[in-house]
mmCIF file of all heavy atoms, coordinates in Angstrom:
data_MODEL
# 
_entry.id   MODEL 
# 
loop_
_atom_site.group_PDB 
_atom_site.id 
_atom_site.type_symbol 
_atom_site.label_atom_id 
_atom_site.label_alt_id 
_atom_site.label_comp_id 
_atom_site.label_asym_id 
_atom_site.label_entity_id 
_atom_site.label_seq_id 
_atom_site.pdbx_PDB_ins_code 
_atom_site.Cartn_x 
_atom_site.Cartn_y 
_atom_site.Cartn_z 
_atom_site.occupancy 
_atom_site.B_iso_or_equiv 
_atom_site.pdbx_formal_charge 
_atom_site.auth_seq_id 
_atom_site.auth_comp_id 
_atom_site.auth_asym_id 
_atom_site.auth_atom_id 
_atom_site.pdbx_PDB_model_num 
ATOM 1   N N   . GLU A 1 1  ? -3.892 3.051   11.387  1.00 0.00 ? 1  GLU A N   1 
ATOM 2   C CA  . GLU A 1 1  ? -4.684 3.831   10.464  1.00 0.00 ? 1  GLU A CA  1 
ATOM 3   C C   . GLU A 1 1  ? -5.613 3.037   9.616   1.00 0.00 ? 1  GLU A C   1 
ATOM 4   O O   . GLU A 1 1  ? -5.237 1.921   9.297   1.00 0.00 ? 1  GLU A O   1 
ATOM 5   C CB  . GLU A 1 1  ? -3.725 4.606   9.515   1.00 0.00 ? 1  GLU A CB  1 
ATOM 6   C CG  . GLU A 1 1  ? -2.662 5.435   10.206  1.00 0.00 ? 1  GLU A CG  1 
ATOM 7   C CD  . GLU A 1 1  ? -3.231 6.558   11.059  1.00 0.00 ? 1  GLU A CD  1 
ATOM 8   O OE1 . GLU A 1 1  ? -4.344 6.911   10.819  1.00 0.00 ? 1  GLU A OE1 1 
ATOM 9   O OE2 . GLU A 1 1  ? -2.427 7.135   11.871  1.00 0.00 ? 1  GLU A OE2 1 
ATOM 10  N N   . GLY A 1 2  ? -6.834 3.442   9.454   1.00 0.00 ? 2  GLY A N   1 
ATOM 11  C CA  . GLY A 1 2  ? -7.795 2.719   8.543   1.00 0.00 ? 2  GLY A CA  1 
ATOM 12  C C   . GLY A 1 2  ? -8.009 3.215   7.160   1.00 0.00 ? 2  GLY A C   1 
ATOM 13  O O   . GLY A 1 2  ? -7.234 4.026   6.735   1.00 0.00 ? 2  GLY A O   1 
ATOM 14  N N   . GLY A 1 3  ? -9.142 2.871   6.623   1.00 0.00 ? 3  GLY A N   1 
ATOM 15  C CA  . GLY A 1 3  ? -9.519 3.353   5.339   1.00 0.00 ? 3  GLY A CA  1 
ATOM 16  C C   . GLY A 1 3  ? -8.532 3.072   4.199   1.00 0.00 ? 3  GLY A C   1 
ATOM 17  O O   . GLY A 1 3  ? -7.865 2.015   4.182   1.00 0.00 ? 3  GLY A O   1 
ATOM 18  N N   . ILE A 1 4  ? -8.098 4.029   3.402   1.00 0.00 ? 4  ILE A N   1 
ATOM 19  C CA  . ILE A 1 4  ? -7.201 3.881   2.240   1.00 0.00 ? 4  ILE A CA  1 
ATOM 20  C C   . ILE A 1 4  ? -5.762 3.640   2.762   1.00 0.00 ? 4  ILE A C   1 
ATOM 21  O O   . ILE A 1 4  ? -5.041 2.952   2.129   1.00 0.00 ? 4  ILE A O   1 
ATOM 22  C CB  . ILE A 1 4  ? -7.290 4.975   1.343   1.00 0.00 ? 4  ILE A CB  1 
ATOM 23  C CG1 . ILE A 1 4  ? -8.678 5.180   0.581   1.00 0.00 ? 4  ILE A CG1 1 
ATOM 24  C CG2 . ILE A 1 4  ? -6.238 4.915   0.162   1.00 0.00 ? 4  ILE A CG2 1 
ATOM 25  C CD1 . ILE A 1 4  ? -8.899 6.283   -0.300  1.00 0.00 ? 4  ILE A CD1 1 
ATOM 26  N N   . ALA A 1 5  ? -5.472 4.244   3.830   1.00 0.00 ? 5  ALA A N   1 
ATOM 27  C CA  . ALA A 1 5  ? -4.174 3.924   4.577   1.00 0.00 ? 5  ALA A CA  1 
ATOM 28  C C   . ALA A 1 5  ? -4.015 2.448   4.893   1.00 0.00 ? 5  ALA A C   1 
ATOM 29  O O   . ALA A 1 5  ? -2.871 1.892   4.726   1.00 0.00 ? 5  ALA A O   1 
ATOM 30  C CB  . ALA A 1 5  ? -4.108 4.748   5.827   1.00 0.00 ? 5  ALA A CB  1 
ATOM 31  N N   . GLU A 1 6  ? -5.133 1.842   5.230   1.00 0.00 ? 6  GLU A N   1 
ATOM 32  C CA  . GLU A 1 6  ? -5.135 0.396   5.558   1.00 0.00 ? 6  GLU A CA  1 
ATOM 33  C C   . GLU A 1 6  ? -4.911 -0.471  4.208   1.00 0.00 ? 6  GLU A C   1 
ATOM 34  O O   . GLU A 1 6  ? -4.154 -1.433  4.264   1.00 0.00 ? 6  GLU A O   1 
ATOM 35  C CB  . GLU A 1 6  ? -6.316 -0.018  6.247   1.00 0.00 ? 6  GLU A CB  1 
ATOM 36  C CG  . GLU A 1 6  ? -6.473 -1.602  6.412   1.00 0.00 ? 6  GLU A CG  1 
ATOM 37  C CD  . GLU A 1 6  ? -5.510 -2.109  7.519   1.00 0.00 ? 6  GLU A CD  1 
ATOM 38  O OE1 . GLU A 1 6  ? -4.796 -1.292  8.234   1.00 0.00 ? 6  GLU A OE1 1 
ATOM 39  O OE2 . GLU A 1 6  ? -5.330 -3.377  7.706   1.00 0.00 ? 6  GLU A OE2 1 
ATOM 40  N N   . GLU A 1 7  ? -5.487 0.063   3.136   1.00 0.00 ? 7  GLU A N   1 
ATOM 41  C CA  . GLU A 1 7  ? -5.268 -0.614  1.816   1.00 0.00 ? 7  GLU A CA  1 
ATOM 42  C C   . GLU A 1 7  ? -3.665 -0.575  1.466   1.00 0.00 ? 7  GLU A C   1 
ATOM 43  O O   . GLU A 1 7  ? -3.217 -1.505  0.998   1.00 0.00 ? 7  GLU A O   1 
ATOM 44  C CB  . GLU A 1 7  ? -6.057 0.144   0.712   1.00 0.00 ? 7  GLU A CB  1 
ATOM 45  C CG  . GLU A 1 7  ? -7.595 -0.101  0.781   1.00 0.00 ? 7  GLU A CG  1 
ATOM 46  C CD  . GLU A 1 7  ? -8.262 0.600   -0.350  1.00 0.00 ? 7  GLU A CD  1 
ATOM 47  O OE1 . GLU A 1 7  ? -7.804 0.390   -1.484  1.00 0.00 ? 7  GLU A OE1 1 
ATOM 48  O OE2 . GLU A 1 7  ? -9.190 1.400   -0.012  1.00 0.00 ? 7  GLU A OE2 1 
ATOM 49  N N   . ILE A 1 8  ? -3.205 0.744   1.656   1.00 0.00 ? 8  ILE A N   1 
ATOM 50  C CA  . ILE A 1 8  ? -1.631 0.722   1.263   1.00 0.00 ? 8  ILE A CA  1 
ATOM 51  C C   . ILE A 1 8  ? -0.834 -0.074  2.235   1.00 0.00 ? 8  ILE A C   1 
ATOM 52  O O   . ILE A 1 8  ? 0.065  -0.711  1.670   1.00 0.00 ? 8  ILE A O   1 
ATOM 53  C CB  . ILE A 1 8  ? -1.414 2.302   1.458   1.00 0.00 ? 8  ILE A CB  1 
ATOM 54  C CG1 . ILE A 1 8  ? -2.129 3.237   0.610   1.00 0.00 ? 8  ILE A CG1 1 
ATOM 55  C CG2 . ILE A 1 8  ? 0.267  2.496   1.419   1.00 0.00 ? 8  ILE A CG2 1 
ATOM 56  C CD1 . ILE A 1 8  ? -1.968 4.701   0.866   1.00 0.00 ? 8  ILE A CD1 1 
ATOM 57  N N   . ARG A 1 9  ? -1.229 -0.179  3.452   1.00 0.00 ? 9  ARG A N   1 
ATOM 58  C CA  . ARG A 1 9  ? -0.425 -0.963  4.349   1.00 0.00 ? 9  ARG A CA  1 
ATOM 59  C C   . ARG A 1 9  ? -0.613 -2.525  4.031   1.00 0.00 ? 9  ARG A C   1 
ATOM 60  O O   . ARG A 1 9  ? 0.397  -3.265  3.848   1.00 0.00 ? 9  ARG A O   1 
ATOM 61  C CB  . ARG A 1 9  ? -0.955 -0.923  5.820   1.00 0.00 ? 9  ARG A CB  1 
ATOM 62  C CG  . ARG A 1 9  ? -0.322 -1.964  6.733   1.00 0.00 ? 9  ARG A CG  1 
ATOM 63  C CD  . ARG A 1 9  ? -1.056 -1.880  8.134   1.00 0.00 ? 9  ARG A CD  1 
ATOM 64  N NE  . ARG A 1 9  ? -0.790 -0.689  8.812   1.00 0.00 ? 9  ARG A NE  1 
ATOM 65  C CZ  . ARG A 1 9  ? 0.311  -0.469  9.574   1.00 0.00 ? 9  ARG A CZ  1 
ATOM 66  N NH1 . ARG A 1 9  ? 1.265  -1.343  9.667   1.00 0.00 ? 9  ARG A NH1 1 
ATOM 67  N NH2 . ARG A 1 9  ? 0.435  0.717   10.173  1.00 0.00 ? 9  ARG A NH2 1 
ATOM 68  N N   . ARG A 1 10 ? -1.808 -2.960  3.510   1.00 0.00 ? 10 ARG A N   1 
ATOM 69  C CA  . ARG A 1 10 ? -1.953 -4.407  3.208   1.00 0.00 ? 10 ARG A CA  1 
ATOM 70  C C   . ARG A 1 10 ? -1.202 -4.680  1.927   1.00 0.00 ? 10 ARG A C   1 
ATOM 71  O O   . ARG A 1 10 ? -0.612 -5.831  1.777   1.00 0.00 ? 10 ARG A O   1 
ATOM 72  C CB  . ARG A 1 10 ? -3.369 -4.719  3.080   1.00 0.00 ? 10 ARG A CB  1 
ATOM 73  C CG  . ARG A 1 10 ? -4.169 -4.625  4.443   1.00 0.00 ? 10 ARG A CG  1 
ATOM 74  C CD  . ARG A 1 10 ? -5.567 -5.156  4.360   1.00 0.00 ? 10 ARG A CD  1 
ATOM 75  N NE  . ARG A 1 10 ? -6.247 -5.101  5.627   1.00 0.00 ? 10 ARG A NE  1 
ATOM 76  C CZ  . ARG A 1 10 ? -7.337 -5.812  5.871   1.00 0.00 ? 10 ARG A CZ  1 
ATOM 77  N NH1 . ARG A 1 10 ? -7.931 -6.492  5.050   1.00 0.00 ? 10 ARG A NH1 1 
ATOM 78  N NH2 . ARG A 1 10 ? -7.816 -5.627  7.084   1.00 0.00 ? 10 ARG A NH2 1 
ATOM 79  N N   . LEU A 1 11 ? -1.190 -3.753  0.917   1.00 0.00 ? 11 LEU A N   1 
ATOM 80  C CA  . LEU A 1 11 ? -0.437 -4.061  -0.255  1.00 0.00 ? 11 LEU A CA  1 
ATOM 81  C C   . LEU A 1 11 ? 1.005  -4.087  0.026   1.00 0.00 ? 11 LEU A C   1 
ATOM 82  O O   . LEU A 1 11 ? 1.843  -4.954  -0.483  1.00 0.00 ? 11 LEU A O   1 
ATOM 83  C CB  . LEU A 1 11 ? -0.653 -2.877  -1.250  1.00 0.00 ? 11 LEU A CB  1 
ATOM 84  C CG  . LEU A 1 11 ? -1.953 -2.912  -1.996  1.00 0.00 ? 11 LEU A CG  1 
ATOM 85  C CD1 . LEU A 1 11 ? -2.209 -1.675  -2.792  1.00 0.00 ? 11 LEU A CD1 1 
ATOM 86  C CD2 . LEU A 1 11 ? -1.967 -4.129  -2.923  1.00 0.00 ? 11 LEU A CD2 1 
ATOM 87  N N   . ARG A 1 12 ? 1.562  -3.138  0.878   1.00 0.00 ? 12 ARG A N   1 
ATOM 88  C CA  . ARG A 1 12 ? 3.031  -3.240  1.302   1.00 0.00 ? 12 ARG A CA  1 
ATOM 89  C C   . ARG A 1 12 ? 3.415  -4.572  1.991   1.00 0.00 ? 12 ARG A C   1 
ATOM 90  O O   . ARG A 1 12 ? 4.326  -5.190  1.726   1.00 0.00 ? 12 ARG A O   1 
ATOM 91  C CB  . ARG A 1 12 ? 3.269  -1.996  2.270   1.00 0.00 ? 12 ARG A CB  1 
ATOM 92  C CG  . ARG A 1 12 ? 4.592  -2.081  2.806   1.00 0.00 ? 12 ARG A CG  1 
ATOM 93  C CD  . ARG A 1 12 ? 4.766  -0.811  3.794   1.00 0.00 ? 12 ARG A CD  1 
ATOM 94  N NE  . ARG A 1 12 ? 6.078  -0.846  4.448   1.00 0.00 ? 12 ARG A NE  1 
ATOM 95  C CZ  . ARG A 1 12 ? 6.344  -1.448  5.622   1.00 0.00 ? 12 ARG A CZ  1 
ATOM 96  N NH1 . ARG A 1 12 ? 5.298  -2.245  6.199   1.00 0.00 ? 12 ARG A NH1 1 
ATOM 97  N NH2 . ARG A 1 12 ? 7.497  -1.533  6.155   1.00 0.00 ? 12 ARG A NH2 1 
ATOM 98  N N   . ASP A 1 13 ? 2.640  -4.960  2.952   1.00 0.00 ? 13 ASP A N   1 
ATOM 99  C CA  . ASP A 1 13 ? 2.745  -6.167  3.688   1.00 0.00 ? 13 ASP A CA  1 
ATOM 100 C C   . ASP A 1 13 ? 2.725  -7.362  2.754   1.00 0.00 ? 13 ASP A C   1 
ATOM 101 O O   . ASP A 1 13 ? 3.593  -8.337  2.826   1.00 0.00 ? 13 ASP A O   1 
ATOM 102 C CB  . ASP A 1 13 ? 1.832  -6.282  4.771   1.00 0.00 ? 13 ASP A CB  1 
ATOM 103 C CG  . ASP A 1 13 ? 2.028  -5.307  5.922   1.00 0.00 ? 13 ASP A CG  1 
ATOM 104 O OD1 . ASP A 1 13 ? 3.069  -4.660  5.883   1.00 0.00 ? 13 ASP A OD1 1 
ATOM 105 O OD2 . ASP A 1 13 ? 1.158  -5.035  6.772   1.00 0.00 ? 13 ASP A OD2 1 
ATOM 106 N N   . HIS A 1 14 ? 1.817  -7.374  1.879   1.00 0.00 ? 14 HIS A N   1 
ATOM 107 C CA  . HIS A 1 14 ? 1.540  -8.494  1.011   1.00 0.00 ? 14 HIS A CA  1 
ATOM 108 C C   . HIS A 1 14 ? 2.673  -8.761  0.025   1.00 0.00 ? 14 HIS A C   1 
ATOM 109 O O   . HIS A 1 14 ? 3.151  -9.880  -0.227  1.00 0.00 ? 14 HIS A O   1 
ATOM 110 C CB  . HIS A 1 14 ? 0.204  -8.476  0.267   1.00 0.00 ? 14 HIS A CB  1 
ATOM 111 C CG  . HIS A 1 14 ? -0.049 -9.583  -0.591  1.00 0.00 ? 14 HIS A CG  1 
ATOM 112 N ND1 . HIS A 1 14 ? -0.425 -10.902 -0.279  1.00 0.00 ? 14 HIS A ND1 1 
ATOM 113 C CD2 . HIS A 1 14 ? 0.039  -9.700  -2.073  1.00 0.00 ? 14 HIS A CD2 1 
ATOM 114 C CE1 . HIS A 1 14 ? -0.604 -11.674 -1.313  1.00 0.00 ? 14 HIS A CE1 1 
ATOM 115 N NE2 . HIS A 1 14 ? -0.277 -10.918 -2.407  1.00 0.00 ? 14 HIS A NE2 1 
ATOM 116 N N   . PHE A 1 15 ? 3.050  -7.633  -0.608  1.00 0.00 ? 15 PHE A N   1 
ATOM 117 C CA  . PHE A 1 15 ? 4.159  -7.752  -1.692  1.00 0.00 ? 15 PHE A CA  1 
ATOM 118 C C   . PHE A 1 15 ? 5.598  -7.571  -1.141  1.00 0.00 ? 15 PHE A C   1 
ATOM 119 O O   . PHE A 1 15 ? 6.566  -7.560  -1.863  1.00 0.00 ? 15 PHE A O   1 
ATOM 120 C CB  . PHE A 1 15 ? 3.877  -6.764  -2.772  1.00 0.00 ? 15 PHE A CB  1 
ATOM 121 C CG  . PHE A 1 15 ? 2.604  -7.141  -3.628  1.00 0.00 ? 15 PHE A CG  1 
ATOM 122 C CD1 . PHE A 1 15 ? 1.431  -6.445  -3.353  1.00 0.00 ? 15 PHE A CD1 1 
ATOM 123 C CD2 . PHE A 1 15 ? 2.730  -8.049  -4.571  1.00 0.00 ? 15 PHE A CD2 1 
ATOM 124 C CE1 . PHE A 1 15 ? 0.314  -6.809  -4.149  1.00 0.00 ? 15 PHE A CE1 1 
ATOM 125 C CE2 . PHE A 1 15 ? 1.627  -8.495  -5.330  1.00 0.00 ? 15 PHE A CE2 1 
ATOM 126 C CZ  . PHE A 1 15 ? 0.420  -7.749  -5.065  1.00 0.00 ? 15 PHE A CZ  1 
ATOM 127 N N   . GLY A 1 16 ? 5.639  -7.117  0.258   1.00 0.00 ? 16 GLY A N   1 
ATOM 128 C CA  . GLY A 1 16 ? 6.989  -6.897  0.790   1.00 0.00 ? 16 GLY A CA  1 
ATOM 129 C C   . GLY A 1 16 ? 7.731  -5.681  0.109   1.00 0.00 ? 16 GLY A C   1 
ATOM 130 O O   . GLY A 1 16 ? 8.918  -5.728  -0.016  1.00 0.00 ? 16 GLY A O   1 
ATOM 131 N N   . CYS A 1 17 ? 6.907  -4.682  -0.371  1.00 0.00 ? 17 CYS A N   1 
ATOM 132 C CA  . CYS A 1 17 ? 7.500  -3.595  -1.114  1.00 0.00 ? 17 CYS A CA  1 
ATOM 133 C C   . CYS A 1 17 ? 7.535  -2.317  -0.179  1.00 0.00 ? 17 CYS A C   1 
ATOM 134 O O   . CYS A 1 17 ? 7.172  -2.368  0.958   1.00 0.00 ? 17 CYS A O   1 
ATOM 135 C CB  . CYS A 1 17 ? 6.713  -3.273  -2.298  1.00 0.00 ? 17 CYS A CB  1 
ATOM 136 S SG  . CYS A 1 17 ? 4.964  -2.878  -1.933  1.00 0.00 ? 17 CYS A SG  1 
ATOM 137 N N   . SER A 1 18 ? 7.971  -1.230  -0.716  1.00 0.00 ? 18 SER A N   1 
ATOM 138 C CA  . SER A 1 18 ? 8.031  0.043   0.043   1.00 0.00 ? 18 SER A CA  1 
ATOM 139 C C   . SER A 1 18 ? 6.694  0.669   0.045   1.00 0.00 ? 18 SER A C   1 
ATOM 140 O O   . SER A 1 18 ? 5.739  0.305   -0.653  1.00 0.00 ? 18 SER A O   1 
ATOM 141 C CB  . SER A 1 18 ? 8.989  0.981   -0.699  1.00 0.00 ? 18 SER A CB  1 
ATOM 142 O OG  . SER A 1 18 ? 8.528  1.325   -1.978  1.00 0.00 ? 18 SER A OG  1 
ATOM 143 N N   . TRP A 1 19 ? 6.457  1.700   1.049   1.00 0.00 ? 19 TRP A N   1 
ATOM 144 C CA  . TRP A 1 19 ? 5.252  2.353   0.973   1.00 0.00 ? 19 TRP A CA  1 
ATOM 145 C C   . TRP A 1 19 ? 5.006  3.154   -0.276  1.00 0.00 ? 19 TRP A C   1 
ATOM 146 O O   . TRP A 1 19 ? 3.907  3.268   -0.804  1.00 0.00 ? 19 TRP A O   1 
ATOM 147 C CB  . TRP A 1 19 ? 5.282  3.445   2.090   1.00 0.00 ? 19 TRP A CB  1 
ATOM 148 C CG  . TRP A 1 19 ? 5.403  2.885   3.625   1.00 0.00 ? 19 TRP A CG  1 
ATOM 149 C CD1 . TRP A 1 19 ? 6.416  2.914   4.350   1.00 0.00 ? 19 TRP A CD1 1 
ATOM 150 C CD2 . TRP A 1 19 ? 4.267  2.316   4.251   1.00 0.00 ? 19 TRP A CD2 1 
ATOM 151 N NE1 . TRP A 1 19 ? 6.089  2.349   5.624   1.00 0.00 ? 19 TRP A NE1 1 
ATOM 152 C CE2 . TRP A 1 19 ? 4.707  1.980   5.530   1.00 0.00 ? 19 TRP A CE2 1 
ATOM 153 C CE3 . TRP A 1 19 ? 2.974  2.098   3.847   1.00 0.00 ? 19 TRP A CE3 1 
ATOM 154 C CZ2 . TRP A 1 19 ? 3.941  1.431   6.476   1.00 0.00 ? 19 TRP A CZ2 1 
ATOM 155 C CZ3 . TRP A 1 19 ? 2.137  1.447   5.008   1.00 0.00 ? 19 TRP A CZ3 1 
ATOM 156 C CH2 . TRP A 1 19 ? 2.614  1.079   6.131   1.00 0.00 ? 19 TRP A CH2 1 
ATOM 157 N N   . THR A 1 20 ? 6.181  3.615   -0.957  1.00 0.00 ? 20 THR A N   1 
ATOM 158 C CA  . THR A 1 20 ? 5.913  4.221   -2.338  1.00 0.00 ? 20 THR A CA  1 
ATOM 159 C C   . THR A 1 20 ? 5.390  3.280   -3.239  1.00 0.00 ? 20 THR A C   1 
ATOM 160 O O   . THR A 1 20 ? 4.424  3.731   -4.012  1.00 0.00 ? 20 THR A O   1 
ATOM 161 C CB  . THR A 1 20 ? 7.357  4.861   -2.721  1.00 0.00 ? 20 THR A CB  1 
ATOM 162 O OG1 . THR A 1 20 ? 7.810  5.826   -1.950  1.00 0.00 ? 20 THR A OG1 1 
ATOM 163 C CG2 . THR A 1 20 ? 7.381  5.267   -4.131  1.00 0.00 ? 20 THR A CG2 1 
ATOM 164 N N   . ARG A 1 21 ? 5.887  2.098   -3.375  1.00 0.00 ? 21 ARG A N   1 
ATOM 165 C CA  . ARG A 1 21 ? 5.462  1.259   -4.347  1.00 0.00 ? 21 ARG A CA  1 
ATOM 166 C C   . ARG A 1 21 ? 3.872  0.850   -4.143  1.00 0.00 ? 21 ARG A C   1 
ATOM 167 O O   . ARG A 1 21 ? 3.052  0.653   -5.065  1.00 0.00 ? 21 ARG A O   1 
ATOM 168 C CB  . ARG A 1 21 ? 6.171  -0.042  -4.422  1.00 0.00 ? 21 ARG A CB  1 
ATOM 169 C CG  . ARG A 1 21 ? 5.845  -1.093  -5.469  1.00 0.00 ? 21 ARG A CG  1 
ATOM 170 C CD  . ARG A 1 21 ? 5.981  -0.445  -6.938  1.00 0.00 ? 21 ARG A CD  1 
ATOM 171 N NE  . ARG A 1 21 ? 5.302  -1.287  -7.963  1.00 0.00 ? 21 ARG A NE  1 
ATOM 172 C CZ  . ARG A 1 21 ? 4.423  -0.833  -8.721  1.00 0.00 ? 21 ARG A CZ  1 
ATOM 173 N NH1 . ARG A 1 21 ? 4.139  0.495   -8.754  1.00 0.00 ? 21 ARG A NH1 1 
ATOM 174 N NH2 . ARG A 1 21 ? 3.859  -1.634  -9.684  1.00 0.00 ? 21 ARG A NH2 1 
ATOM 175 N N   . ALA A 1 22 ? 3.477  0.637   -2.861  1.00 0.00 ? 22 ALA A N   1 
ATOM 176 C CA  . ALA A 1 22 ? 2.153  0.323   -2.555  1.00 0.00 ? 22 ALA A CA  1 
ATOM 177 C C   . ALA A 1 22 ? 1.340  1.482   -2.961  1.00 0.00 ? 22 ALA A C   1 
ATOM 178 O O   . ALA A 1 22 ? 0.142  1.193   -3.538  1.00 0.00 ? 22 ALA A O   1 
ATOM 179 C CB  . ALA A 1 22 ? 2.037  0.048   -1.029  1.00 0.00 ? 22 ALA A CB  1 
ATOM 180 N N   . MET A 1 23 ? 1.702  2.722   -2.781  1.00 0.00 ? 23 MET A N   1 
ATOM 181 C CA  . MET A 1 23 ? 0.802  3.874   -3.263  1.00 0.00 ? 23 MET A CA  1 
ATOM 182 C C   . MET A 1 23 ? 0.767  3.856   -4.765  1.00 0.00 ? 23 MET A C   1 
ATOM 183 O O   . MET A 1 23 ? -0.336 4.211   -5.293  1.00 0.00 ? 23 MET A O   1 
ATOM 184 C CB  . MET A 1 23 ? 1.451  5.109   -2.832  1.00 0.00 ? 23 MET A CB  1 
ATOM 185 C CG  . MET A 1 23 ? 1.346  5.269   -1.174  1.00 0.00 ? 23 MET A CG  1 
ATOM 186 S SD  . MET A 1 23 ? 1.973  6.859   -0.684  1.00 0.00 ? 23 MET A SD  1 
ATOM 187 C CE  . MET A 1 23 ? 2.656  6.457   0.911   1.00 0.00 ? 23 MET A CE  1 
ATOM 188 N N   . GLU A 1 24 ? 1.853  3.514   -5.456  1.00 0.00 ? 24 GLU A N   1 
ATOM 189 C CA  . GLU A 1 24 ? 1.841  3.559   -6.801  1.00 0.00 ? 24 GLU A CA  1 
ATOM 190 C C   . GLU A 1 24 ? 0.900  2.516   -7.497  1.00 0.00 ? 24 GLU A C   1 
ATOM 191 O O   . GLU A 1 24 ? 0.266  2.771   -8.483  1.00 0.00 ? 24 GLU A O   1 
ATOM 192 C CB  . GLU A 1 24 ? 3.287  3.338   -7.463  1.00 0.00 ? 24 GLU A CB  1 
ATOM 193 C CG  . GLU A 1 24 ? 4.247  4.514   -7.164  1.00 0.00 ? 24 GLU A CG  1 
ATOM 194 C CD  . GLU A 1 24 ? 5.647  4.105   -7.480  1.00 0.00 ? 24 GLU A CD  1 
ATOM 195 O OE1 . GLU A 1 24 ? 5.870  2.966   -7.667  1.00 0.00 ? 24 GLU A OE1 1 
ATOM 196 O OE2 . GLU A 1 24 ? 6.427  5.054   -7.671  1.00 0.00 ? 24 GLU A OE2 1 
ATOM 197 N N   . MET A 1 25 ? 0.771  1.374   -6.838  1.00 0.00 ? 25 MET A N   1 
ATOM 198 C CA  . MET A 1 25 ? -0.075 0.309   -7.182  1.00 0.00 ? 25 MET A CA  1 
ATOM 199 C C   . MET A 1 25 ? -1.550 0.817   -7.206  1.00 0.00 ? 25 MET A C   1 
ATOM 200 O O   . MET A 1 25 ? -2.356 0.403   -8.106  1.00 0.00 ? 25 MET A O   1 
ATOM 201 C CB  . MET A 1 25 ? 0.049  -0.917  -6.312  1.00 0.00 ? 25 MET A CB  1 
ATOM 202 C CG  . MET A 1 25 ? 1.223  -1.664  -6.398  1.00 0.00 ? 25 MET A CG  1 
ATOM 203 S SD  . MET A 1 25 ? 1.324  -3.075  -5.215  1.00 0.00 ? 25 MET A SD  1 
ATOM 204 C CE  . MET A 1 25 ? 3.007  -3.602  -5.337  1.00 0.00 ? 25 MET A CE  1 
ATOM 205 N N   . LEU A 1 26 ? -1.920 1.583   -6.253  1.00 0.00 ? 26 LEU A N   1 
ATOM 206 C CA  . LEU A 1 26 ? -3.227 2.205   -6.139  1.00 0.00 ? 26 LEU A CA  1 
ATOM 207 C C   . LEU A 1 26 ? -3.456 3.423   -7.092  1.00 0.00 ? 26 LEU A C   1 
ATOM 208 O O   . LEU A 1 26 ? -4.572 3.509   -7.673  1.00 0.00 ? 26 LEU A O   1 
ATOM 209 C CB  . LEU A 1 26 ? -3.606 2.592   -4.671  1.00 0.00 ? 26 LEU A CB  1 
ATOM 210 C CG  . LEU A 1 26 ? -3.673 1.423   -3.758  1.00 0.00 ? 26 LEU A CG  1 
ATOM 211 C CD1 . LEU A 1 26 ? -4.041 2.096   -2.299  1.00 0.00 ? 26 LEU A CD1 1 
ATOM 212 C CD2 . LEU A 1 26 ? -4.836 0.518   -4.111  1.00 0.00 ? 26 LEU A CD2 1 
ATOM 213 N N   . THR A 1 27 ? -2.435 4.128   -7.361  1.00 0.00 ? 27 THR A N   1 
ATOM 214 C CA  . THR A 1 27 ? -2.534 5.422   -8.121  1.00 0.00 ? 27 THR A CA  1 
ATOM 215 C C   . THR A 1 27 ? -2.532 5.050   -9.644  1.00 0.00 ? 27 THR A C   1 
ATOM 216 O O   . THR A 1 27 ? -3.225 5.691   -10.558 1.00 0.00 ? 27 THR A O   1 
ATOM 217 C CB  . THR A 1 27 ? -1.721 6.398   -7.711  1.00 0.00 ? 27 THR A CB  1 
ATOM 218 O OG1 . THR A 1 27 ? -0.302 5.981   -7.803  1.00 0.00 ? 27 THR A OG1 1 
ATOM 219 C CG2 . THR A 1 27 ? -1.905 6.961   -6.332  1.00 0.00 ? 27 THR A CG2 1 
ATOM 220 N N   . ASP A 1 28 ? -1.637 4.147   -9.935  1.00 0.00 ? 28 ASP A N   1 
ATOM 221 C CA  . ASP A 1 28 ? -1.362 3.798   -11.358 1.00 0.00 ? 28 ASP A CA  1 
ATOM 222 C C   . ASP A 1 28 ? -2.695 3.219   -11.958 1.00 0.00 ? 28 ASP A C   1 
ATOM 223 O O   . ASP A 1 28 ? -3.231 2.292   -11.430 1.00 0.00 ? 28 ASP A O   1 
ATOM 224 C CB  . ASP A 1 28 ? -0.276 2.690   -11.487 1.00 0.00 ? 28 ASP A CB  1 
ATOM 225 C CG  . ASP A 1 28 ? 1.064  3.271   -11.327 1.00 0.00 ? 28 ASP A CG  1 
ATOM 226 O OD1 . ASP A 1 28 ? 1.205  4.458   -11.097 1.00 0.00 ? 28 ASP A OD1 1 
ATOM 227 O OD2 . ASP A 1 28 ? 2.034  2.526   -11.112 1.00 0.00 ? 28 ASP A OD2 1 
# 
C-alpha cells in the first residue's frame, strides 16, 4: 500500500511499534 498507508508502515517499522501506535503518531 502507498500514500499515507506507507507513512504508517514506515513509522511502525522504524520504531518497532504497533500499527495503532504508528497511526497515533500521525493523528496526535
